Amino acid sequence: MNETHASSADMLVQRAGSSDAIQGPSEYFTGQVRIDRVFSAPAPSRVGVAVVNFEPGARTNWHTHPVGQILLVTDGVGWTQCEGGPKTEIRPGDLIWCNCGRRHWHGATDKTAMQHVAIQESQDGSPVEWMEPVPDAVYLAGPVKTD
C-alpha cells in the first residue's frame, strides 16, 4: 500500500517504506530481483521511478524504452550493455542514459549485488518493451569496460 501525504502546496510525498517491495517477475528478470519504492507521477507527467535491487548474477532481460531511461547506481557493482556494444561496469554514483529504442540490459555482476534508481517516461502508456532473457554466455562474456 502506498502512503502519500499532500502538503498545503500540493506537493506529494511518498514516505520511505510505505510501498510494498515486489519480486522482479521471472518473465522480465533472471535471478533474484526486488523492486522497491515504485512511483508514477500524476498526469500530465509520464515519469515513473523505481528502486531496483539485483542479487549477484541477477539481471534484466533485453529491453528497450520508447523515451529512454536514466539509471542512478546507488549501491554495489553492476554491468550494463547496449546490444553490439561493450559490457560496462557501473558503480555507486554512476548515471547511465539508456537511449531510446536501443536494446540493452543491466544488472549485478556475477559476484556482487547492485542497486539502482530507474527513471523513465511512458509513451502510449508503456515505459518499456521487454524481450528475451540475456543468456549466461552474453552476461558472462568479457572484457568489461571500466572507464
N, C-alpha and C. Protein backbone atom coordinates (compact mmCIF):
# COMPACT_ATOMS: atom_id res chain seq x y z
N MET A 1 0.84 -1.18 0.00
CA MET A 1 0.00 0.00 0.00
C MET A 1 0.88 1.24 0.00
N ASN A 2 0.63 2.18 -0.89
CA ASN A 2 1.39 3.42 -0.96
C ASN A 2 0.79 4.45 -0.04
N GLU A 3 1.61 4.98 0.86
CA GLU A 3 1.17 6.03 1.76
C GLU A 3 1.75 7.34 1.24
N THR A 4 0.88 8.27 0.94
CA THR A 4 1.34 9.57 0.46
C THR A 4 0.75 10.65 1.35
N HIS A 5 1.36 11.82 1.28
CA HIS A 5 0.91 12.93 2.07
C HIS A 5 0.99 14.18 1.21
N ALA A 6 -0.09 14.91 1.10
CA ALA A 6 -0.09 16.16 0.33
C ALA A 6 0.00 17.33 1.29
N SER A 7 0.96 18.21 1.03
CA SER A 7 1.09 19.40 1.87
C SER A 7 0.14 20.48 1.35
N SER A 8 0.17 21.63 2.01
CA SER A 8 -0.70 22.72 1.59
C SER A 8 -0.32 23.24 0.21
N ALA A 9 0.90 22.99 -0.24
CA ALA A 9 1.33 23.43 -1.57
C ALA A 9 1.11 22.33 -2.60
N ASP A 10 0.35 21.29 -2.24
CA ASP A 10 0.05 20.18 -3.14
C ASP A 10 1.29 19.41 -3.58
N MET A 11 2.31 19.40 -2.74
CA MET A 11 3.47 18.57 -3.01
C MET A 11 3.16 17.16 -2.52
N LEU A 12 3.46 16.17 -3.33
CA LEU A 12 3.18 14.78 -2.99
C LEU A 12 4.42 14.16 -2.38
N VAL A 13 4.29 13.59 -1.19
CA VAL A 13 5.40 12.94 -0.51
C VAL A 13 5.03 11.48 -0.32
N GLN A 14 5.88 10.60 -0.83
CA GLN A 14 5.69 9.17 -0.60
C GLN A 14 6.71 8.75 0.44
N ARG A 15 6.25 8.33 1.59
CA ARG A 15 7.12 8.00 2.71
C ARG A 15 7.94 6.73 2.43
N ALA A 16 9.22 6.76 2.81
CA ALA A 16 10.07 5.59 2.70
C ALA A 16 9.43 4.43 3.46
N GLY A 17 9.42 3.28 2.84
CA GLY A 17 8.84 2.10 3.47
C GLY A 17 7.34 2.01 3.36
N SER A 18 6.70 2.97 2.66
CA SER A 18 5.24 2.96 2.59
C SER A 18 4.70 2.11 1.45
N SER A 19 5.57 1.66 0.55
CA SER A 19 5.10 0.78 -0.52
C SER A 19 5.75 -0.59 -0.36
N ASP A 20 5.00 -1.61 -0.68
CA ASP A 20 5.49 -2.99 -0.56
C ASP A 20 6.49 -3.30 -1.67
N ALA A 21 7.58 -3.96 -1.30
CA ALA A 21 8.53 -4.44 -2.29
C ALA A 21 7.90 -5.60 -3.06
N ILE A 22 8.29 -5.74 -4.32
CA ILE A 22 7.82 -6.86 -5.12
C ILE A 22 9.02 -7.60 -5.70
N GLN A 23 8.84 -8.86 -5.98
CA GLN A 23 9.87 -9.64 -6.67
C GLN A 23 9.83 -9.27 -8.14
N GLY A 24 11.01 -9.12 -8.75
CA GLY A 24 11.07 -8.87 -10.19
C GLY A 24 10.51 -10.09 -10.91
N PRO A 25 9.50 -9.91 -11.75
CA PRO A 25 8.87 -11.05 -12.43
C PRO A 25 9.86 -11.84 -13.29
N SER A 26 9.80 -13.16 -13.21
CA SER A 26 10.73 -14.02 -13.94
C SER A 26 10.58 -13.88 -15.45
N GLU A 27 9.48 -13.35 -15.93
CA GLU A 27 9.36 -13.14 -17.38
C GLU A 27 10.15 -11.92 -17.86
N TYR A 28 10.68 -11.10 -16.92
CA TYR A 28 11.46 -9.91 -17.27
C TYR A 28 12.87 -9.90 -16.69
N PHE A 29 13.14 -10.78 -15.69
CA PHE A 29 14.42 -10.77 -14.98
C PHE A 29 14.95 -12.19 -14.82
N THR A 30 16.28 -12.31 -14.77
CA THR A 30 16.96 -13.55 -14.42
C THR A 30 17.54 -13.36 -13.02
N GLY A 31 17.32 -14.33 -12.13
CA GLY A 31 17.87 -14.25 -10.78
C GLY A 31 16.95 -13.51 -9.83
N GLN A 32 17.49 -13.23 -8.64
CA GLN A 32 16.72 -12.59 -7.58
C GLN A 32 16.77 -11.07 -7.70
N VAL A 33 15.60 -10.48 -7.98
CA VAL A 33 15.47 -9.04 -8.14
C VAL A 33 14.32 -8.57 -7.28
N ARG A 34 14.55 -7.49 -6.52
CA ARG A 34 13.50 -6.90 -5.69
C ARG A 34 13.30 -5.46 -6.14
N ILE A 35 12.05 -5.07 -6.30
CA ILE A 35 11.71 -3.72 -6.74
C ILE A 35 11.01 -3.02 -5.58
N ASP A 36 11.60 -1.89 -5.14
CA ASP A 36 11.09 -1.10 -4.03
C ASP A 36 10.69 0.29 -4.50
N ARG A 37 9.86 0.93 -3.72
CA ARG A 37 9.54 2.35 -3.92
C ARG A 37 9.23 2.71 -5.37
N VAL A 38 8.22 2.08 -5.89
CA VAL A 38 7.75 2.39 -7.25
C VAL A 38 6.84 3.60 -7.17
N PHE A 39 7.03 4.54 -8.09
CA PHE A 39 6.22 5.76 -8.09
C PHE A 39 5.99 6.21 -9.53
N SER A 40 4.75 6.54 -9.83
CA SER A 40 4.41 7.17 -11.10
C SER A 40 3.80 8.52 -10.80
N ALA A 41 4.37 9.56 -11.38
CA ALA A 41 3.87 10.91 -11.15
C ALA A 41 2.48 11.06 -11.76
N PRO A 42 1.63 11.89 -11.15
CA PRO A 42 0.29 12.11 -11.69
C PRO A 42 0.34 12.81 -13.05
N ALA A 43 -0.65 12.53 -13.89
CA ALA A 43 -0.76 13.19 -15.20
C ALA A 43 -0.82 14.70 -14.99
N PRO A 44 -0.27 15.46 -15.89
CA PRO A 44 0.14 15.09 -17.24
C PRO A 44 1.55 14.52 -17.33
N SER A 45 2.25 14.39 -16.21
CA SER A 45 3.59 13.80 -16.24
C SER A 45 3.51 12.36 -16.73
N ARG A 46 4.58 11.89 -17.34
CA ARG A 46 4.67 10.50 -17.79
C ARG A 46 5.84 9.80 -17.12
N VAL A 47 6.39 10.40 -16.04
CA VAL A 47 7.60 9.90 -15.39
C VAL A 47 7.26 8.85 -14.34
N GLY A 48 8.07 7.79 -14.33
CA GLY A 48 7.99 6.76 -13.31
C GLY A 48 9.36 6.50 -12.73
N VAL A 49 9.40 6.07 -11.47
CA VAL A 49 10.66 5.82 -10.77
C VAL A 49 10.52 4.51 -10.00
N ALA A 50 11.61 3.74 -9.97
CA ALA A 50 11.65 2.52 -9.15
C ALA A 50 13.06 2.34 -8.62
N VAL A 51 13.18 1.77 -7.42
CA VAL A 51 14.46 1.37 -6.87
C VAL A 51 14.54 -0.14 -7.06
N VAL A 52 15.57 -0.59 -7.78
CA VAL A 52 15.68 -2.00 -8.15
C VAL A 52 16.95 -2.57 -7.54
N ASN A 53 16.80 -3.71 -6.85
CA ASN A 53 17.90 -4.39 -6.17
C ASN A 53 18.16 -5.73 -6.85
N PHE A 54 19.39 -5.92 -7.32
CA PHE A 54 19.80 -7.14 -8.02
C PHE A 54 20.78 -7.91 -7.14
N GLU A 55 20.49 -9.17 -6.86
CA GLU A 55 21.45 -10.04 -6.18
C GLU A 55 22.52 -10.46 -7.18
N PRO A 56 23.69 -10.96 -6.71
CA PRO A 56 24.72 -11.39 -7.66
C PRO A 56 24.14 -12.33 -8.72
N GLY A 57 24.52 -12.07 -9.96
CA GLY A 57 24.05 -12.88 -11.09
C GLY A 57 22.71 -12.47 -11.66
N ALA A 58 21.99 -11.56 -10.99
CA ALA A 58 20.66 -11.15 -11.46
C ALA A 58 20.77 -10.02 -12.47
N ARG A 59 19.84 -10.02 -13.43
CA ARG A 59 19.86 -9.01 -14.48
C ARG A 59 18.49 -8.92 -15.14
N THR A 60 18.32 -7.84 -15.90
CA THR A 60 17.10 -7.68 -16.70
C THR A 60 17.19 -8.55 -17.94
N ASN A 61 16.05 -8.75 -18.58
CA ASN A 61 16.04 -9.27 -19.95
C ASN A 61 16.49 -8.15 -20.88
N TRP A 62 16.75 -8.47 -22.13
CA TRP A 62 16.90 -7.44 -23.14
C TRP A 62 15.63 -6.62 -23.14
N HIS A 63 15.74 -5.32 -23.32
CA HIS A 63 14.56 -4.47 -23.38
C HIS A 63 14.91 -3.13 -24.01
N THR A 64 13.87 -2.37 -24.35
CA THR A 64 14.02 -1.02 -24.88
C THR A 64 13.08 -0.10 -24.14
N HIS A 65 13.34 1.20 -24.24
CA HIS A 65 12.48 2.23 -23.67
C HIS A 65 12.12 3.21 -24.78
N PRO A 66 10.83 3.47 -24.99
CA PRO A 66 10.43 4.35 -26.10
C PRO A 66 10.90 5.79 -25.94
N VAL A 67 11.12 6.23 -24.68
CA VAL A 67 11.54 7.61 -24.43
C VAL A 67 12.87 7.62 -23.65
N GLY A 68 13.56 6.48 -23.60
CA GLY A 68 14.83 6.38 -22.89
C GLY A 68 14.64 6.11 -21.41
N GLN A 69 15.77 5.90 -20.73
CA GLN A 69 15.77 5.61 -19.29
C GLN A 69 17.05 6.15 -18.68
N ILE A 70 16.95 6.64 -17.45
CA ILE A 70 18.11 7.06 -16.67
C ILE A 70 18.25 6.09 -15.50
N LEU A 71 19.46 5.60 -15.29
CA LEU A 71 19.78 4.78 -14.13
C LEU A 71 20.77 5.53 -13.26
N LEU A 72 20.56 5.52 -11.95
CA LEU A 72 21.49 6.06 -10.98
C LEU A 72 21.87 4.91 -10.06
N VAL A 73 23.11 4.46 -10.13
CA VAL A 73 23.57 3.36 -9.28
C VAL A 73 23.78 3.91 -7.87
N THR A 74 23.17 3.25 -6.88
CA THR A 74 23.24 3.72 -5.51
C THR A 74 24.02 2.79 -4.58
N ASP A 75 24.25 1.54 -5.01
CA ASP A 75 24.97 0.59 -4.16
C ASP A 75 25.48 -0.56 -4.99
N GLY A 76 26.64 -1.11 -4.60
CA GLY A 76 27.16 -2.31 -5.24
C GLY A 76 27.85 -2.04 -6.56
N VAL A 77 28.02 -3.12 -7.33
CA VAL A 77 28.67 -3.06 -8.63
C VAL A 77 27.82 -3.85 -9.62
N GLY A 78 27.65 -3.27 -10.80
CA GLY A 78 26.85 -3.94 -11.81
C GLY A 78 27.47 -3.85 -13.19
N TRP A 79 26.75 -4.39 -14.15
CA TRP A 79 27.13 -4.32 -15.55
C TRP A 79 25.93 -3.85 -16.35
N THR A 80 26.21 -3.17 -17.45
CA THR A 80 25.18 -2.80 -18.41
C THR A 80 25.76 -2.95 -19.80
N GLN A 81 24.88 -3.18 -20.78
CA GLN A 81 25.35 -3.36 -22.15
C GLN A 81 24.24 -3.03 -23.13
N CYS A 82 24.57 -2.18 -24.12
CA CYS A 82 23.71 -1.99 -25.28
C CYS A 82 24.08 -3.05 -26.29
N GLU A 83 23.12 -3.58 -26.99
CA GLU A 83 23.38 -4.63 -27.97
C GLU A 83 24.44 -4.19 -28.97
N GLY A 84 25.45 -5.04 -29.14
CA GLY A 84 26.54 -4.74 -30.06
C GLY A 84 27.66 -3.93 -29.46
N GLY A 85 27.48 -3.42 -28.23
CA GLY A 85 28.50 -2.60 -27.58
C GLY A 85 29.19 -3.36 -26.47
N PRO A 86 30.15 -2.71 -25.81
CA PRO A 86 30.88 -3.39 -24.73
C PRO A 86 30.04 -3.49 -23.46
N LYS A 87 30.31 -4.52 -22.69
CA LYS A 87 29.72 -4.64 -21.35
C LYS A 87 30.50 -3.67 -20.47
N THR A 88 29.78 -2.82 -19.72
CA THR A 88 30.40 -1.75 -18.95
C THR A 88 30.11 -1.92 -17.47
N GLU A 89 31.13 -1.77 -16.64
CA GLU A 89 30.96 -1.82 -15.19
C GLU A 89 30.32 -0.52 -14.72
N ILE A 90 29.36 -0.64 -13.79
CA ILE A 90 28.71 0.53 -13.21
C ILE A 90 28.80 0.45 -11.68
N ARG A 91 29.04 1.63 -11.06
CA ARG A 91 29.29 1.70 -9.62
C ARG A 91 28.47 2.83 -8.99
N PRO A 92 28.37 2.88 -7.65
CA PRO A 92 27.60 3.93 -6.98
C PRO A 92 27.99 5.33 -7.47
N GLY A 93 26.96 6.13 -7.73
CA GLY A 93 27.14 7.49 -8.22
C GLY A 93 27.12 7.59 -9.73
N ASP A 94 27.30 6.46 -10.45
CA ASP A 94 27.27 6.49 -11.91
C ASP A 94 25.86 6.74 -12.40
N LEU A 95 25.74 7.59 -13.41
CA LEU A 95 24.48 7.84 -14.12
C LEU A 95 24.60 7.21 -15.50
N ILE A 96 23.58 6.50 -15.90
CA ILE A 96 23.58 5.82 -17.19
C ILE A 96 22.36 6.29 -17.97
N TRP A 97 22.55 6.70 -19.21
CA TRP A 97 21.45 7.05 -20.10
C TRP A 97 21.29 5.90 -21.07
N CYS A 98 20.13 5.23 -21.02
CA CYS A 98 19.80 4.16 -21.95
C CYS A 98 18.98 4.79 -23.06
N ASN A 99 19.56 4.90 -24.23
CA ASN A 99 18.98 5.64 -25.34
C ASN A 99 17.65 5.04 -25.81
N CYS A 100 16.82 5.89 -26.34
CA CYS A 100 15.51 5.50 -26.84
C CYS A 100 15.64 4.40 -27.90
N GLY A 101 14.91 3.33 -27.69
CA GLY A 101 14.82 2.28 -28.69
C GLY A 101 16.01 1.36 -28.80
N ARG A 102 17.08 1.56 -28.04
CA ARG A 102 18.26 0.68 -28.10
C ARG A 102 18.06 -0.52 -27.19
N ARG A 103 18.25 -1.73 -27.73
CA ARG A 103 18.18 -2.94 -26.91
C ARG A 103 19.35 -2.93 -25.93
N HIS A 104 19.04 -3.20 -24.66
CA HIS A 104 20.08 -3.21 -23.64
C HIS A 104 19.63 -4.07 -22.46
N TRP A 105 20.56 -4.31 -21.55
CA TRP A 105 20.28 -4.99 -20.28
C TRP A 105 21.15 -4.36 -19.21
N HIS A 106 20.80 -4.59 -17.95
CA HIS A 106 21.61 -4.15 -16.82
C HIS A 106 21.31 -5.02 -15.63
N GLY A 107 22.27 -5.11 -14.71
CA GLY A 107 22.09 -5.92 -13.51
C GLY A 107 23.36 -5.97 -12.69
N ALA A 108 23.36 -6.85 -11.70
CA ALA A 108 24.52 -7.04 -10.83
C ALA A 108 25.61 -7.79 -11.58
N THR A 109 26.84 -7.75 -11.04
CA THR A 109 27.88 -8.61 -11.57
C THR A 109 27.59 -10.04 -11.09
N ASP A 110 28.41 -10.97 -11.52
CA ASP A 110 28.21 -12.35 -11.10
C ASP A 110 28.59 -12.58 -9.64
N LYS A 111 29.32 -11.62 -9.03
CA LYS A 111 29.79 -11.80 -7.65
C LYS A 111 29.29 -10.73 -6.68
N THR A 112 28.72 -9.64 -7.17
CA THR A 112 28.36 -8.50 -6.32
C THR A 112 26.93 -8.04 -6.59
N ALA A 113 26.18 -7.77 -5.54
CA ALA A 113 24.84 -7.21 -5.68
C ALA A 113 24.94 -5.77 -6.17
N MET A 114 23.83 -5.23 -6.69
CA MET A 114 23.80 -3.85 -7.18
C MET A 114 22.39 -3.30 -7.02
N GLN A 115 22.31 -2.02 -6.68
CA GLN A 115 21.03 -1.32 -6.59
C GLN A 115 21.09 -0.09 -7.48
N HIS A 116 20.00 0.17 -8.20
CA HIS A 116 19.92 1.42 -8.95
C HIS A 116 18.52 2.00 -8.85
N VAL A 117 18.45 3.30 -9.07
CA VAL A 117 17.19 4.00 -9.23
C VAL A 117 16.96 4.11 -10.74
N ALA A 118 15.80 3.67 -11.19
CA ALA A 118 15.44 3.74 -12.61
C ALA A 118 14.39 4.82 -12.80
N ILE A 119 14.63 5.71 -13.75
CA ILE A 119 13.71 6.81 -14.06
C ILE A 119 13.40 6.75 -15.54
N GLN A 120 12.12 6.64 -15.87
CA GLN A 120 11.75 6.56 -17.27
C GLN A 120 10.38 7.19 -17.50
N GLU A 121 10.14 7.55 -18.75
CA GLU A 121 8.84 8.09 -19.15
C GLU A 121 8.08 7.04 -19.95
N SER A 122 6.78 7.12 -19.88
CA SER A 122 5.92 6.26 -20.69
C SER A 122 5.58 6.93 -22.00
N GLN A 123 5.38 6.12 -23.00
CA GLN A 123 4.83 6.58 -24.27
C GLN A 123 3.72 5.62 -24.63
N ASP A 124 2.56 6.15 -24.95
CA ASP A 124 1.39 5.32 -25.23
C ASP A 124 1.12 4.34 -24.09
N GLY A 125 1.34 4.82 -22.85
CA GLY A 125 1.02 4.04 -21.66
C GLY A 125 2.07 3.04 -21.20
N SER A 126 3.22 2.95 -21.88
CA SER A 126 4.22 1.97 -21.50
C SER A 126 5.62 2.58 -21.47
N PRO A 127 6.40 2.30 -20.39
CA PRO A 127 7.77 2.81 -20.32
C PRO A 127 8.82 1.85 -20.88
N VAL A 128 8.42 0.60 -21.18
CA VAL A 128 9.41 -0.42 -21.55
C VAL A 128 8.78 -1.47 -22.48
N GLU A 129 9.61 -2.01 -23.35
CA GLU A 129 9.24 -3.18 -24.15
C GLU A 129 10.21 -4.29 -23.78
N TRP A 130 9.69 -5.35 -23.15
CA TRP A 130 10.52 -6.46 -22.68
C TRP A 130 10.72 -7.47 -23.80
N MET A 131 11.91 -8.07 -23.81
CA MET A 131 12.27 -9.07 -24.80
C MET A 131 12.82 -10.32 -24.10
N GLU A 132 13.63 -11.09 -24.80
CA GLU A 132 14.11 -12.37 -24.28
C GLU A 132 15.18 -12.19 -23.21
N PRO A 133 15.38 -13.25 -22.39
CA PRO A 133 16.43 -13.21 -21.37
C PRO A 133 17.82 -13.08 -22.00
N VAL A 134 18.73 -12.49 -21.23
CA VAL A 134 20.14 -12.40 -21.63
C VAL A 134 20.79 -13.73 -21.22
N PRO A 135 21.30 -14.50 -22.20
CA PRO A 135 21.88 -15.80 -21.83
C PRO A 135 23.19 -15.63 -21.07
N ASP A 136 23.54 -16.63 -20.26
CA ASP A 136 24.78 -16.59 -19.49
C ASP A 136 26.00 -16.32 -20.37
N ALA A 137 26.01 -16.87 -21.59
CA ALA A 137 27.16 -16.68 -22.49
C ALA A 137 27.38 -15.20 -22.81
N VAL A 138 26.30 -14.43 -22.92
CA VAL A 138 26.41 -12.98 -23.17
C VAL A 138 26.72 -12.26 -21.86
N TYR A 139 25.99 -12.60 -20.80
CA TYR A 139 26.15 -11.95 -19.50
C TYR A 139 27.57 -12.09 -18.96
N LEU A 140 28.16 -13.27 -19.08
CA LEU A 140 29.48 -13.54 -18.52
C LEU A 140 30.63 -13.23 -19.47
N ALA A 141 30.32 -12.91 -20.72
CA ALA A 141 31.37 -12.62 -21.70
C ALA A 141 32.15 -11.38 -21.31
N GLY A 142 33.43 -11.39 -21.55
CA GLY A 142 34.27 -10.22 -21.26
C GLY A 142 34.80 -9.69 -22.56
N PRO A 143 35.64 -8.70 -22.51
CA PRO A 143 36.08 -7.99 -21.32
C PRO A 143 35.04 -6.97 -20.85
N VAL A 144 35.27 -6.40 -19.68
CA VAL A 144 34.38 -5.41 -19.11
C VAL A 144 35.06 -4.05 -19.21
N LYS A 145 34.35 -3.08 -19.80
CA LYS A 145 34.85 -1.70 -19.89
C LYS A 145 34.65 -1.04 -18.53
N THR A 146 35.70 -0.43 -17.98
CA THR A 146 35.61 0.14 -16.63
C THR A 146 35.82 1.65 -16.59
N ASP A 147 36.03 2.30 -17.71
CA ASP A 147 36.27 3.77 -17.65
C ASP A 147 35.07 4.56 -18.02
